[in-house]
Amino acid sequence: MSMPPMLERLMLSRQFVVACLCVFALGTGLAQDSIEREGYFEVRSATTEVFAGVHTLDARLQLVLSSEALAALESGVTLTIEAQLQVIRSRRFYVDDVEAELTIRHELEYRPLSQRYIVKNLNSGDQDSFATLYSALNSLGRIQGLPIIDDALLSPDRPYRLRLRAMLNTQQYPAPLRLLFFWRGQWQLQSEWFEWSLER
């Protein structure tokens, strides 16, 4: 059941205010503190295999939050972490063609009363609870047996490759806050593309 529009606006406003206060407060605090944590996202490995005619993905991501993102999380701001996958058909005389795209979205939330980190898969609706941030990020960074594309949809005589990247998505926040994040490097958490050939 959807929540009333007024309540939804109030919740979004509260999240916006909390995030703004967190960013500004941390920005001034870090200016006086020599210890600053620079986050980074990295795809450590990625492979595919065919199971019952469907290509499935196994991948390992290294997800390290920056000081600002961590402070925002612990202040009640929900973070959205995405893994973006592309299936690309290689063409000899033309620009390569992106045949399919898949985005795996997760929300990461901290609940101070229970002191638990909640990870919600926005694609499936599944939700898990973790006692530590390390275990939550470790779970987010492990992709196992994810179906990505049916082999019957691919041309049998064409070479394909895949590429994968991870990123912190700030698009769900109000426009003024997104603009603020754009100018603050600690919120630009995005890995390089990791590419490999599709084995068939």
N, C-alpha and C. Protein backbone atom coordinates (compact mmCIF):
# COMPACT_ATOMS: atom_id res chain seq x y z
N MET A 1 0.86 -1.20 0.00
CA MET A 1 0.00 0.00 0.00
C MET A 1 0.89 1.24 0.00
N SER A 2 0.65 2.17 -0.90
CA SER A 2 1.48 3.38 -0.99
C SER A 2 1.11 4.34 0.13
N MET A 3 2.11 5.11 0.57
CA MET A 3 1.88 6.05 1.65
C MET A 3 1.25 7.32 1.11
N PRO A 4 0.50 8.07 1.95
CA PRO A 4 -0.12 9.32 1.50
C PRO A 4 0.93 10.30 0.98
N PRO A 5 0.59 11.09 -0.07
CA PRO A 5 1.55 12.03 -0.67
C PRO A 5 2.18 12.98 0.34
N MET A 6 1.40 13.48 1.31
CA MET A 6 1.94 14.40 2.30
C MET A 6 3.01 13.74 3.15
N LEU A 7 2.76 12.49 3.59
CA LEU A 7 3.73 11.77 4.40
C LEU A 7 4.99 11.46 3.60
N GLU A 8 4.81 11.11 2.31
CA GLU A 8 5.95 10.83 1.46
C GLU A 8 6.83 12.07 1.28
N ARG A 9 6.17 13.25 1.10
CA ARG A 9 6.94 14.50 0.96
C ARG A 9 7.70 14.83 2.23
N LEU A 10 7.06 14.60 3.39
CA LEU A 10 7.73 14.87 4.65
C LEU A 10 8.95 13.99 4.85
N MET A 11 8.82 12.70 4.46
CA MET A 11 9.94 11.78 4.62
C MET A 11 11.10 12.17 3.70
N LEU A 12 10.77 12.56 2.45
CA LEU A 12 11.81 13.00 1.52
C LEU A 12 12.49 14.27 2.01
N SER A 13 11.70 15.20 2.58
CA SER A 13 12.25 16.44 3.10
C SER A 13 13.18 16.15 4.27
N ARG A 14 12.77 15.22 5.13
CA ARG A 14 13.62 14.87 6.28
C ARG A 14 14.94 14.28 5.81
N GLN A 15 14.87 13.37 4.82
CA GLN A 15 16.10 12.77 4.31
C GLN A 15 16.99 13.82 3.66
N PHE A 16 16.38 14.76 2.96
CA PHE A 16 17.15 15.82 2.32
C PHE A 16 17.88 16.67 3.36
N VAL A 17 17.16 17.07 4.42
CA VAL A 17 17.75 17.90 5.48
C VAL A 17 18.87 17.15 6.19
N VAL A 18 18.62 15.89 6.52
CA VAL A 18 19.64 15.09 7.21
C VAL A 18 20.90 14.97 6.36
N ALA A 19 20.70 14.68 5.07
CA ALA A 19 21.85 14.52 4.18
C ALA A 19 22.63 15.83 4.04
N CYS A 20 21.92 16.94 3.89
CA CYS A 20 22.58 18.25 3.78
C CYS A 20 23.39 18.56 5.04
N LEU A 21 22.76 18.38 6.19
CA LEU A 21 23.45 18.66 7.44
C LEU A 21 24.67 17.78 7.59
N CYS A 22 24.53 16.53 7.20
CA CYS A 22 25.64 15.59 7.30
C CYS A 22 26.80 16.02 6.41
N VAL A 23 26.49 16.39 5.17
CA VAL A 23 27.53 16.79 4.23
C VAL A 23 28.24 18.06 4.69
N PHE A 24 27.46 19.06 5.12
CA PHE A 24 28.07 20.31 5.56
C PHE A 24 28.86 20.14 6.85
N ALA A 25 28.28 19.40 7.80
CA ALA A 25 28.97 19.21 9.08
C ALA A 25 30.25 18.43 8.89
N LEU A 26 30.19 17.38 8.08
CA LEU A 26 31.38 16.59 7.86
C LEU A 26 32.42 17.37 7.08
N GLY A 27 31.94 18.18 6.14
CA GLY A 27 32.89 18.97 5.35
C GLY A 27 33.71 19.91 6.22
N THR A 28 33.08 20.55 7.19
CA THR A 28 33.82 21.44 8.08
C THR A 28 34.67 20.65 9.06
N GLY A 29 34.16 19.48 9.47
CA GLY A 29 34.92 18.68 10.42
C GLY A 29 36.18 18.10 9.81
N LEU A 30 36.07 17.67 8.55
CA LEU A 30 37.23 17.08 7.90
C LEU A 30 38.32 18.11 7.62
N ALA A 31 37.93 19.36 7.53
CA ALA A 31 38.93 20.40 7.30
C ALA A 31 39.87 20.50 8.50
N GLN A 32 39.38 20.09 9.69
CA GLN A 32 40.20 20.17 10.89
C GLN A 32 40.80 18.83 11.26
N ASP A 33 40.34 17.76 10.58
CA ASP A 33 40.78 16.42 10.92
C ASP A 33 41.67 15.90 9.79
N SER A 34 42.86 15.44 10.13
CA SER A 34 43.79 14.97 9.10
C SER A 34 43.42 13.58 8.60
N ILE A 35 42.56 12.86 9.32
CA ILE A 35 42.17 11.53 8.91
C ILE A 35 40.92 11.63 8.05
N GLU A 36 41.08 11.36 6.78
CA GLU A 36 39.95 11.41 5.85
C GLU A 36 39.95 10.14 5.02
N ARG A 37 38.83 9.47 4.97
CA ARG A 37 38.74 8.20 4.28
C ARG A 37 38.22 8.42 2.88
N GLU A 38 39.03 8.10 1.90
CA GLU A 38 38.63 8.20 0.51
C GLU A 38 38.07 6.86 0.07
N GLY A 39 36.80 6.83 -0.27
CA GLY A 39 36.19 5.60 -0.70
C GLY A 39 36.57 5.23 -2.13
N TYR A 40 36.34 3.99 -2.47
CA TYR A 40 36.55 3.56 -3.85
C TYR A 40 35.75 2.28 -4.09
N PHE A 41 35.32 2.12 -5.34
CA PHE A 41 34.63 0.92 -5.78
C PHE A 41 35.51 0.27 -6.85
N GLU A 42 35.60 -1.05 -6.81
CA GLU A 42 36.41 -1.78 -7.79
C GLU A 42 35.78 -3.14 -8.07
N VAL A 43 35.78 -3.52 -9.35
CA VAL A 43 35.38 -4.87 -9.73
C VAL A 43 36.65 -5.72 -9.70
N ARG A 44 36.71 -6.66 -8.77
CA ARG A 44 37.92 -7.47 -8.60
C ARG A 44 37.95 -8.64 -9.59
N SER A 45 36.80 -9.24 -9.86
CA SER A 45 36.75 -10.35 -10.81
C SER A 45 35.32 -10.51 -11.30
N ALA A 46 35.18 -11.12 -12.48
CA ALA A 46 33.86 -11.38 -13.04
C ALA A 46 33.99 -12.50 -14.08
N THR A 47 33.10 -13.47 -14.00
CA THR A 47 33.08 -14.58 -14.95
C THR A 47 31.63 -14.96 -15.23
N THR A 48 31.43 -15.65 -16.36
CA THR A 48 30.10 -16.16 -16.69
C THR A 48 30.21 -17.62 -17.07
N GLU A 49 29.10 -18.33 -16.88
CA GLU A 49 28.99 -19.70 -17.36
C GLU A 49 27.56 -19.93 -17.80
N VAL A 50 27.38 -20.96 -18.64
CA VAL A 50 26.06 -21.27 -19.16
C VAL A 50 25.45 -22.39 -18.33
N PHE A 51 24.25 -22.15 -17.84
CA PHE A 51 23.52 -23.16 -17.07
C PHE A 51 22.10 -23.24 -17.61
N ALA A 52 21.75 -24.43 -18.15
CA ALA A 52 20.42 -24.66 -18.75
C ALA A 52 20.09 -23.61 -19.81
N GLY A 53 21.09 -23.25 -20.62
CA GLY A 53 20.87 -22.31 -21.71
C GLY A 53 20.87 -20.85 -21.34
N VAL A 54 21.19 -20.57 -20.08
CA VAL A 54 21.20 -19.18 -19.60
C VAL A 54 22.59 -18.83 -19.08
N HIS A 55 23.10 -17.68 -19.51
CA HIS A 55 24.39 -17.20 -19.01
C HIS A 55 24.20 -16.61 -17.62
N THR A 56 25.02 -17.04 -16.68
CA THR A 56 24.94 -16.54 -15.30
C THR A 56 26.25 -15.88 -14.91
N LEU A 57 26.16 -14.93 -14.01
CA LEU A 57 27.30 -14.09 -13.62
C LEU A 57 27.75 -14.40 -12.20
N ASP A 58 29.07 -14.55 -12.04
CA ASP A 58 29.72 -14.56 -10.72
C ASP A 58 30.70 -13.39 -10.71
N ALA A 59 30.65 -12.57 -9.68
CA ALA A 59 31.55 -11.40 -9.62
C ALA A 59 31.88 -11.07 -8.18
N ARG A 60 33.03 -10.40 -8.01
CA ARG A 60 33.45 -9.90 -6.71
C ARG A 60 33.75 -8.41 -6.83
N LEU A 61 33.10 -7.64 -5.98
CA LEU A 61 33.28 -6.19 -5.98
C LEU A 61 33.92 -5.76 -4.66
N GLN A 62 34.81 -4.79 -4.74
CA GLN A 62 35.39 -4.18 -3.54
C GLN A 62 34.69 -2.83 -3.34
N LEU A 63 33.95 -2.71 -2.24
CA LEU A 63 33.17 -1.50 -1.98
C LEU A 63 33.65 -0.86 -0.68
N VAL A 64 34.26 0.31 -0.80
CA VAL A 64 34.75 1.05 0.36
C VAL A 64 34.10 2.43 0.35
N LEU A 65 33.35 2.75 1.39
CA LEU A 65 32.66 4.03 1.47
C LEU A 65 33.60 5.13 1.92
N SER A 66 33.40 6.32 1.37
CA SER A 66 34.16 7.49 1.80
C SER A 66 33.67 7.96 3.16
N SER A 67 34.42 8.87 3.78
CA SER A 67 34.03 9.41 5.08
C SER A 67 32.66 10.06 5.02
N GLU A 68 32.40 10.83 3.96
CA GLU A 68 31.12 11.53 3.86
C GLU A 68 29.96 10.56 3.65
N ALA A 69 30.15 9.57 2.79
CA ALA A 69 29.09 8.59 2.55
C ALA A 69 28.82 7.78 3.82
N LEU A 70 29.88 7.43 4.54
CA LEU A 70 29.73 6.68 5.78
C LEU A 70 28.99 7.50 6.84
N ALA A 71 29.34 8.77 6.96
CA ALA A 71 28.68 9.64 7.93
C ALA A 71 27.21 9.83 7.58
N ALA A 72 26.93 9.97 6.28
CA ALA A 72 25.54 10.11 5.85
C ALA A 72 24.74 8.86 6.18
N LEU A 73 25.34 7.69 5.91
CA LEU A 73 24.68 6.42 6.20
C LEU A 73 24.34 6.31 7.68
N GLU A 74 25.29 6.63 8.53
CA GLU A 74 25.09 6.50 9.97
C GLU A 74 24.20 7.60 10.54
N SER A 75 23.91 8.62 9.72
CA SER A 75 22.98 9.68 10.12
C SER A 75 21.56 9.43 9.63
N GLY A 76 21.36 8.29 8.96
CA GLY A 76 20.01 7.94 8.53
C GLY A 76 19.74 8.06 7.05
N VAL A 77 20.76 8.36 6.25
CA VAL A 77 20.57 8.48 4.81
C VAL A 77 20.76 7.11 4.16
N THR A 78 19.79 6.69 3.38
CA THR A 78 19.87 5.41 2.67
C THR A 78 20.72 5.59 1.42
N LEU A 79 21.69 4.68 1.22
CA LEU A 79 22.57 4.73 0.06
C LEU A 79 22.10 3.69 -0.96
N THR A 80 22.17 4.05 -2.24
CA THR A 80 21.83 3.14 -3.32
C THR A 80 23.11 2.76 -4.06
N ILE A 81 23.40 1.47 -4.07
CA ILE A 81 24.61 0.96 -4.72
C ILE A 81 24.18 0.09 -5.89
N GLU A 82 24.77 0.36 -7.06
CA GLU A 82 24.38 -0.34 -8.28
C GLU A 82 25.55 -1.11 -8.87
N ALA A 83 25.22 -2.23 -9.49
CA ALA A 83 26.15 -2.95 -10.36
C ALA A 83 25.53 -2.92 -11.75
N GLN A 84 26.24 -2.35 -12.71
CA GLN A 84 25.72 -2.19 -14.07
C GLN A 84 26.46 -3.14 -15.01
N LEU A 85 25.70 -3.92 -15.76
CA LEU A 85 26.26 -4.92 -16.67
C LEU A 85 25.79 -4.66 -18.09
N GLN A 86 26.70 -4.79 -19.04
CA GLN A 86 26.35 -4.65 -20.46
C GLN A 86 26.85 -5.87 -21.23
N VAL A 87 26.01 -6.35 -22.14
CA VAL A 87 26.38 -7.42 -23.07
C VAL A 87 26.61 -6.75 -24.43
N ILE A 88 27.82 -6.85 -24.95
CA ILE A 88 28.21 -6.09 -26.14
C ILE A 88 28.56 -7.05 -27.28
N ARG A 89 27.97 -6.81 -28.45
CA ARG A 89 28.32 -7.60 -29.64
C ARG A 89 29.42 -6.88 -30.39
N SER A 90 30.54 -7.56 -30.56
CA SER A 90 31.68 -6.97 -31.26
C SER A 90 31.44 -7.02 -32.77
N ARG A 91 31.71 -5.89 -33.43
CA ARG A 91 31.53 -5.81 -34.88
C ARG A 91 32.81 -5.31 -35.51
N ARG A 92 33.21 -5.95 -36.60
CA ARG A 92 34.52 -5.67 -37.20
C ARG A 92 34.60 -4.29 -37.84
N PHE A 93 33.59 -3.91 -38.60
CA PHE A 93 33.67 -2.67 -39.36
C PHE A 93 32.74 -1.57 -38.86
N TYR A 94 32.03 -1.83 -37.77
CA TYR A 94 31.10 -0.84 -37.23
C TYR A 94 31.35 -0.69 -35.73
N VAL A 95 30.70 0.31 -35.16
CA VAL A 95 30.78 0.49 -33.72
C VAL A 95 30.12 -0.70 -33.03
N ASP A 96 30.74 -1.17 -31.96
CA ASP A 96 30.18 -2.30 -31.21
C ASP A 96 28.78 -1.95 -30.71
N ASP A 97 27.93 -2.98 -30.62
CA ASP A 97 26.53 -2.78 -30.29
C ASP A 97 26.22 -3.35 -28.90
N VAL A 98 25.60 -2.54 -28.05
CA VAL A 98 25.17 -3.01 -26.73
C VAL A 98 23.86 -3.79 -26.92
N GLU A 99 23.94 -5.11 -26.77
CA GLU A 99 22.79 -5.98 -27.01
C GLU A 99 21.83 -5.98 -25.82
N ALA A 100 22.37 -5.91 -24.62
CA ALA A 100 21.51 -5.98 -23.43
C ALA A 100 22.19 -5.26 -22.27
N GLU A 101 21.39 -4.72 -21.37
CA GLU A 101 21.89 -4.05 -20.17
C GLU A 101 21.10 -4.53 -18.96
N LEU A 102 21.79 -4.65 -17.87
CA LEU A 102 21.16 -5.08 -16.62
C LEU A 102 21.75 -4.26 -15.48
N THR A 103 20.88 -3.73 -14.62
CA THR A 103 21.32 -2.98 -13.45
C THR A 103 20.80 -3.67 -12.20
N ILE A 104 21.71 -4.03 -11.30
CA ILE A 104 21.34 -4.64 -10.03
C ILE A 104 21.44 -3.55 -8.96
N ARG A 105 20.31 -3.19 -8.37
CA ARG A 105 20.26 -2.10 -7.40
C ARG A 105 20.03 -2.63 -5.98
N HIS A 106 20.83 -2.10 -5.06
CA HIS A 106 20.65 -2.41 -3.65
C HIS A 106 20.58 -1.11 -2.84
N GLU A 107 19.79 -1.13 -1.80
CA GLU A 107 19.78 -0.05 -0.82
C GLU A 107 20.49 -0.51 0.44
N LEU A 108 21.33 0.38 0.97
CA LEU A 108 22.03 0.12 2.22
C LEU A 108 21.56 1.14 3.25
N GLU A 109 21.08 0.63 4.38
CA GLU A 109 20.52 1.49 5.41
C GLU A 109 21.05 1.08 6.78
N TYR A 110 21.28 2.06 7.64
CA TYR A 110 21.70 1.77 9.02
C TYR A 110 20.57 2.13 9.97
N ARG A 111 20.24 1.20 10.88
CA ARG A 111 19.20 1.44 11.87
C ARG A 111 19.84 1.52 13.25
N PRO A 112 19.95 2.73 13.79
CA PRO A 112 20.69 2.93 15.05
C PRO A 112 20.07 2.23 16.26
N LEU A 113 18.76 2.09 16.29
CA LEU A 113 18.12 1.46 17.45
C LEU A 113 18.55 0.00 17.60
N SER A 114 18.56 -0.71 16.48
CA SER A 114 18.97 -2.12 16.51
C SER A 114 20.46 -2.28 16.22
N GLN A 115 21.11 -1.17 15.77
CA GLN A 115 22.52 -1.20 15.37
C GLN A 115 22.77 -2.27 14.30
N ARG A 116 21.88 -2.30 13.33
CA ARG A 116 21.99 -3.26 12.23
C ARG A 116 22.05 -2.52 10.90
N TYR A 117 22.75 -3.13 9.96
CA TYR A 117 22.83 -2.62 8.59
C TYR A 117 21.90 -3.47 7.72
N ILE A 118 21.00 -2.80 7.02
CA ILE A 118 20.00 -3.48 6.21
C ILE A 118 20.36 -3.33 4.74
N VAL A 119 20.41 -4.46 4.04
CA VAL A 119 20.67 -4.47 2.60
C VAL A 119 19.42 -5.00 1.91
N LYS A 120 18.85 -4.17 1.02
CA LYS A 120 17.64 -4.55 0.30
C LYS A 120 17.92 -4.60 -1.20
N ASN A 121 17.61 -5.74 -1.81
CA ASN A 121 17.74 -5.88 -3.26
C ASN A 121 16.49 -5.28 -3.91
N LEU A 122 16.67 -4.17 -4.61
CA LEU A 122 15.52 -3.49 -5.22
C LEU A 122 14.99 -4.23 -6.44
N ASN A 123 15.77 -5.14 -7.01
CA ASN A 123 15.30 -5.93 -8.14
C ASN A 123 14.35 -7.05 -7.69
N SER A 124 14.72 -7.72 -6.60
CA SER A 124 13.94 -8.87 -6.15
C SER A 124 13.09 -8.59 -4.93
N GLY A 125 13.43 -7.54 -4.17
CA GLY A 125 12.72 -7.26 -2.93
C GLY A 125 13.29 -7.99 -1.72
N ASP A 126 14.29 -8.85 -1.92
CA ASP A 126 14.91 -9.57 -0.81
C ASP A 126 15.64 -8.60 0.11
N GLN A 127 15.67 -8.92 1.40
CA GLN A 127 16.30 -8.05 2.39
C GLN A 127 17.08 -8.88 3.40
N ASP A 128 18.27 -8.39 3.76
CA ASP A 128 19.11 -9.05 4.76
C ASP A 128 19.56 -8.04 5.80
N SER A 129 19.88 -8.53 6.98
CA SER A 129 20.32 -7.70 8.09
C SER A 129 21.71 -8.15 8.52
N PHE A 130 22.59 -7.17 8.82
CA PHE A 130 23.97 -7.48 9.18
C PHE A 130 24.38 -6.69 10.42
N ALA A 131 25.25 -7.30 11.21
CA ALA A 131 25.69 -6.68 12.45
C ALA A 131 26.78 -5.64 12.22
N THR A 132 27.53 -5.76 11.12
CA THR A 132 28.63 -4.83 10.85
C THR A 132 28.54 -4.30 9.43
N LEU A 133 29.12 -3.13 9.22
CA LEU A 133 29.18 -2.55 7.88
C LEU A 133 30.03 -3.43 6.98
N TYR A 134 31.11 -3.99 7.52
CA TYR A 134 31.99 -4.84 6.72
C TYR A 134 31.22 -6.02 6.13
N SER A 135 30.41 -6.68 6.95
CA SER A 135 29.67 -7.84 6.46
C SER A 135 28.60 -7.42 5.46
N ALA A 136 27.99 -6.25 5.65
CA ALA A 136 26.98 -5.76 4.70
C ALA A 136 27.62 -5.46 3.35
N LEU A 137 28.75 -4.76 3.34
CA LEU A 137 29.43 -4.43 2.09
C LEU A 137 30.00 -5.69 1.43
N ASN A 138 30.45 -6.63 2.25
CA ASN A 138 30.97 -7.89 1.71
C ASN A 138 29.86 -8.65 0.99
N SER A 139 28.66 -8.63 1.56
CA SER A 139 27.52 -9.28 0.90
C SER A 139 27.15 -8.56 -0.39
N LEU A 140 27.15 -7.23 -0.36
CA LEU A 140 26.86 -6.44 -1.55
C LEU A 140 27.87 -6.71 -2.67
N GLY A 141 29.09 -7.02 -2.29
CA GLY A 141 30.15 -7.21 -3.26
C GLY A 141 30.26 -8.63 -3.80
N ARG A 142 29.34 -9.49 -3.43
CA ARG A 142 29.38 -10.88 -3.89
C ARG A 142 28.16 -11.17 -4.76
N ILE A 143 28.39 -11.40 -6.04
CA ILE A 143 27.33 -11.76 -6.98
C ILE A 143 27.57 -13.21 -7.40
N GLN A 144 26.57 -14.06 -7.20
CA GLN A 144 26.72 -15.47 -7.50
C GLN A 144 25.52 -16.00 -8.29
N GLY A 145 25.82 -16.62 -9.43
CA GLY A 145 24.79 -17.29 -10.21
C GLY A 145 23.65 -16.41 -10.67
N LEU A 146 23.95 -15.14 -10.97
CA LEU A 146 22.90 -14.22 -11.41
C LEU A 146 22.59 -14.43 -12.89
N PRO A 147 21.36 -14.80 -13.25
CA PRO A 147 21.01 -14.96 -14.67
C PRO A 147 21.07 -13.60 -15.38
N ILE A 148 21.75 -13.56 -16.54
CA ILE A 148 21.89 -12.28 -17.23
C ILE A 148 21.27 -12.29 -18.63
N ILE A 149 21.41 -13.40 -19.37
CA ILE A 149 20.81 -13.43 -20.71
C ILE A 149 20.69 -14.87 -21.20
N ASP A 150 19.63 -15.13 -21.94
CA ASP A 150 19.40 -16.44 -22.54
C ASP A 150 20.31 -16.58 -23.76
N ASP A 151 21.01 -17.71 -23.86
CA ASP A 151 21.93 -17.90 -24.97
C ASP A 151 21.21 -17.89 -26.32
N ALA A 152 19.94 -18.27 -26.33
CA ALA A 152 19.17 -18.29 -27.58
C ALA A 152 18.96 -16.90 -28.16
N LEU A 153 19.13 -15.86 -27.35
CA LEU A 153 18.97 -14.48 -27.82
C LEU A 153 20.22 -13.94 -28.49
N LEU A 154 21.32 -14.68 -28.41
CA LEU A 154 22.59 -14.23 -28.98
C LEU A 154 22.85 -14.91 -30.32
N SER A 155 23.44 -14.17 -31.25
CA SER A 155 23.77 -14.74 -32.57
C SER A 155 24.86 -15.79 -32.40
N PRO A 156 24.68 -16.98 -32.96
CA PRO A 156 25.63 -18.06 -32.73
C PRO A 156 27.01 -17.82 -33.34
N ASP A 157 27.09 -17.00 -34.39
CA ASP A 157 28.36 -16.81 -35.09
C ASP A 157 29.00 -15.45 -34.79
N ARG A 158 28.56 -14.78 -33.72
CA ARG A 158 29.09 -13.46 -33.39
C ARG A 158 29.83 -13.49 -32.05
N PRO A 159 30.95 -12.77 -31.96
CA PRO A 159 31.65 -12.70 -30.67
C PRO A 159 31.01 -11.65 -29.76
N TYR A 160 30.96 -11.95 -28.48
CA TYR A 160 30.39 -11.04 -27.50
C TYR A 160 31.38 -10.83 -26.36
N ARG A 161 31.25 -9.68 -25.75
CA ARG A 161 32.00 -9.44 -24.52
C ARG A 161 31.06 -8.77 -23.52
N LEU A 162 31.46 -8.80 -22.27
CA LEU A 162 30.66 -8.18 -21.22
C LEU A 162 31.50 -7.17 -20.48
N ARG A 163 30.82 -6.21 -19.85
CA ARG A 163 31.53 -5.30 -18.97
C ARG A 163 30.65 -4.96 -17.78
N LEU A 164 31.32 -4.76 -16.65
CA LEU A 164 30.63 -4.58 -15.38
C LEU A 164 31.29 -3.46 -14.61
N ARG A 165 30.47 -2.64 -13.94
CA ARG A 165 31.01 -1.62 -13.06
C ARG A 165 30.06 -1.45 -11.86
N ALA A 166 30.60 -0.89 -10.79
CA ALA A 166 29.82 -0.62 -9.59
C ALA A 166 29.84 0.88 -9.32
N MET A 167 28.75 1.41 -8.76
CA MET A 167 28.70 2.83 -8.50
C MET A 167 27.73 3.15 -7.37
N LEU A 168 27.97 4.28 -6.72
CA LEU A 168 27.04 4.84 -5.75
C LEU A 168 26.13 5.79 -6.50
N ASN A 169 24.83 5.48 -6.52
CA ASN A 169 23.87 6.26 -7.29
C ASN A 169 23.21 7.29 -6.37
N THR A 170 23.31 8.57 -6.75
CA THR A 170 22.72 9.65 -5.95
C THR A 170 21.50 10.26 -6.63
N GLN A 171 20.98 9.60 -7.68
CA GLN A 171 19.87 10.17 -8.44
C GLN A 171 18.56 10.24 -7.66
N GLN A 172 18.45 9.44 -6.58
CA GLN A 172 17.18 9.45 -5.84
C GLN A 172 17.05 10.66 -4.92
N TYR A 173 18.13 11.42 -4.75
CA TYR A 173 18.07 12.58 -3.87
C TYR A 173 17.55 13.81 -4.61
N PRO A 174 17.02 14.80 -3.90
CA PRO A 174 16.53 16.03 -4.55
C PRO A 174 17.64 16.72 -5.34
N ALA A 175 17.25 17.47 -6.37
CA ALA A 175 18.20 18.10 -7.29
C ALA A 175 19.26 18.95 -6.60
N PRO A 176 18.92 19.80 -5.59
CA PRO A 176 19.97 20.60 -4.94
C PRO A 176 21.03 19.75 -4.28
N LEU A 177 20.61 18.62 -3.70
CA LEU A 177 21.57 17.75 -3.04
C LEU A 177 22.43 17.01 -4.06
N ARG A 178 21.84 16.62 -5.20
CA ARG A 178 22.62 15.98 -6.26
C ARG A 178 23.68 16.93 -6.79
N LEU A 179 23.34 18.22 -6.91
CA LEU A 179 24.31 19.21 -7.37
C LEU A 179 25.45 19.34 -6.38
N LEU A 180 25.11 19.31 -5.09
CA LEU A 180 26.15 19.39 -4.06
C LEU A 180 27.06 18.17 -4.14
N PHE A 181 26.49 16.98 -4.32
CA PHE A 181 27.29 15.76 -4.42
C PHE A 181 28.21 15.80 -5.63
N PHE A 182 27.72 16.45 -6.72
CA PHE A 182 28.51 16.50 -7.96
C PHE A 182 29.85 17.20 -7.72
N TRP A 183 29.85 18.21 -6.86
CA TRP A 183 31.07 18.97 -6.62
C TRP A 183 31.91 18.41 -5.48
N ARG A 184 31.45 17.36 -4.83
CA ARG A 184 32.21 16.78 -3.72
C ARG A 184 32.71 15.41 -4.15
N GLY A 185 34.02 15.29 -4.30
CA GLY A 185 34.63 14.08 -4.84
C GLY A 185 34.34 12.82 -4.05
N GLN A 186 34.09 12.97 -2.74
CA GLN A 186 33.87 11.79 -1.93
C GLN A 186 32.57 11.07 -2.26
N TRP A 187 31.70 11.72 -3.04
CA TRP A 187 30.45 11.08 -3.44
C TRP A 187 30.54 10.49 -4.84
N GLN A 188 31.67 10.70 -5.52
CA GLN A 188 31.83 10.18 -6.87
C GLN A 188 32.45 8.79 -6.81
N LEU A 189 31.71 7.85 -6.25
CA LEU A 189 32.20 6.49 -6.09
C LEU A 189 31.73 5.64 -7.27
N GLN A 190 32.66 5.33 -8.14
CA GLN A 190 32.33 4.56 -9.34
C GLN A 190 33.58 3.82 -9.80
N SER A 191 33.44 2.54 -10.05
CA SER A 191 34.58 1.75 -10.50
C SER A 191 34.81 1.94 -12.00
N GLU A 192 35.96 1.49 -12.45
CA GLU A 192 36.21 1.39 -13.89
C GLU A 192 35.41 0.21 -14.44
N TRP A 193 35.16 0.22 -15.75
CA TRP A 193 34.53 -0.93 -16.38
C TRP A 193 35.49 -2.12 -16.34
N PHE A 194 34.98 -3.26 -15.97
CA PHE A 194 35.73 -4.52 -16.02
C PHE A 194 35.19 -5.32 -17.19
N GLU A 195 36.06 -5.65 -18.17
CA GLU A 195 35.59 -6.30 -19.39
C GLU A 195 36.17 -7.70 -19.53
N TRP A 196 35.37 -8.59 -20.14
CA TRP A 196 35.85 -9.93 -20.43
C TRP A 196 35.01 -10.52 -21.57
N SER A 197 35.55 -11.54 -22.22
CA SER A 197 34.86 -12.19 -23.35
C SER A 197 33.81 -13.15 -22.84
N LEU A 198 32.72 -13.24 -23.58
CA LEU A 198 31.65 -14.17 -23.22
C LEU A 198 31.97 -15.54 -23.80
N GLU A 199 32.18 -16.53 -22.94
CA GLU A 199 32.44 -17.89 -23.37
C GLU A 199 31.12 -18.58 -23.68
N ARG A 200 31.09 -19.35 -24.81
CA ARG A 200 29.83 -19.98 -25.23
C ARG A 200 30.01 -21.46 -25.48
